[in-house]
Every structure is written in C-alpha cells, then in structure tokens.
Amino acid sequence: MSVPRLLEPPPPPNRRRRLLLLGGVAAVAAGLVLWHALRFHREESTVKRFLDALAAGQYEQAYRLWHPQPSYSFSDFMQDWGPEGFYGPVRSYRIQQLRLPRNGSGVIVTVLVSPYRPFPGRDPARARYNKTVRLWVERSDQSISFAP
C-alpha cells in the first residue's frame, strides 16, 4: 500500500537558489543606494570647486568656473560674489540640497554661504549672516548660474 503524498514531508528547499536570489536582490539594492548617493557627484564637485575658489579669494578662477555668458561681466560677478557683493564675502559654505527638476537639463544646488570661517553651526549671532543661494549647474557643460 502506498502512502498518500499529502503525508510525505515536503522536499528540502533549494538553498543554493535562495542564496542566489537573495544575493541578486542585495546587489540590486546596493546598486540603487550607490546610484542615489553618486547621481549628482559631478555637479556637487563643480559647486565645491567654485565656492572653494571664492573662499580662497580667487575670484578670476571662480568666474571662469562659472562659465559666464557674455552679458554677465566680471564686474557683475564681483557685485554678486566679491568681498562687498550681495553674497560675499564667502568664507565657508554648506551644501543643503541637490535636486534635479522635472524635465530639467541641470541640477539645482541649494547652498548656505557664510562670511565666517569655520561655518557657524549653532552660533546664532554669526548664523544670521548666512545667505541661502540656489545655483543651477548645467549637466552638459557644468556651467553655473543662478537657479530660475
């Protein structure tokens, strides 16, 4: 007499297939996390080079990194970023946010600039002089401008 199949123990799970599936899921998850962390790396590096040049007082170099249009002269640049400019003097900064607008060809980088070095973290007397600036970094040529 044969034993009905319902009473037989289930076959052992295929351990190798389960490990391969788990490894594949882990690899995809790690890839997504890495992609998310590095998706704006070039644009962030461009903004850091620009702001580092401003903090070092190298305004000509910062102007070149800006990739200005002919209508934006060095004089205009200095009125915005120079020691007496609207955003100047820039001595330190903190990148707040990087985001890609829908259907945009560039990245909006929100930066907090400060006339103090080091960046005033919790010092309210100095932090009140911080200014928020939104920069646009064009992905194709890494040119910088003010965000729309």
Foldseek 3Di string as FASTA:
>chain_A
DDDDPVPDDDDDDDVVVVVVVVVVVVVVVVVVVVCVVCVCVVLVVLVVVLLVCLLVVVLVVNVVSQVDDPVCDSVNVCLCDNCVHPQDSFNEKDWDDWDDDVPDQWIKIKMWGFHDPPDDDPDVVRSVRIDIFIWTQGPPPRHIDGDD
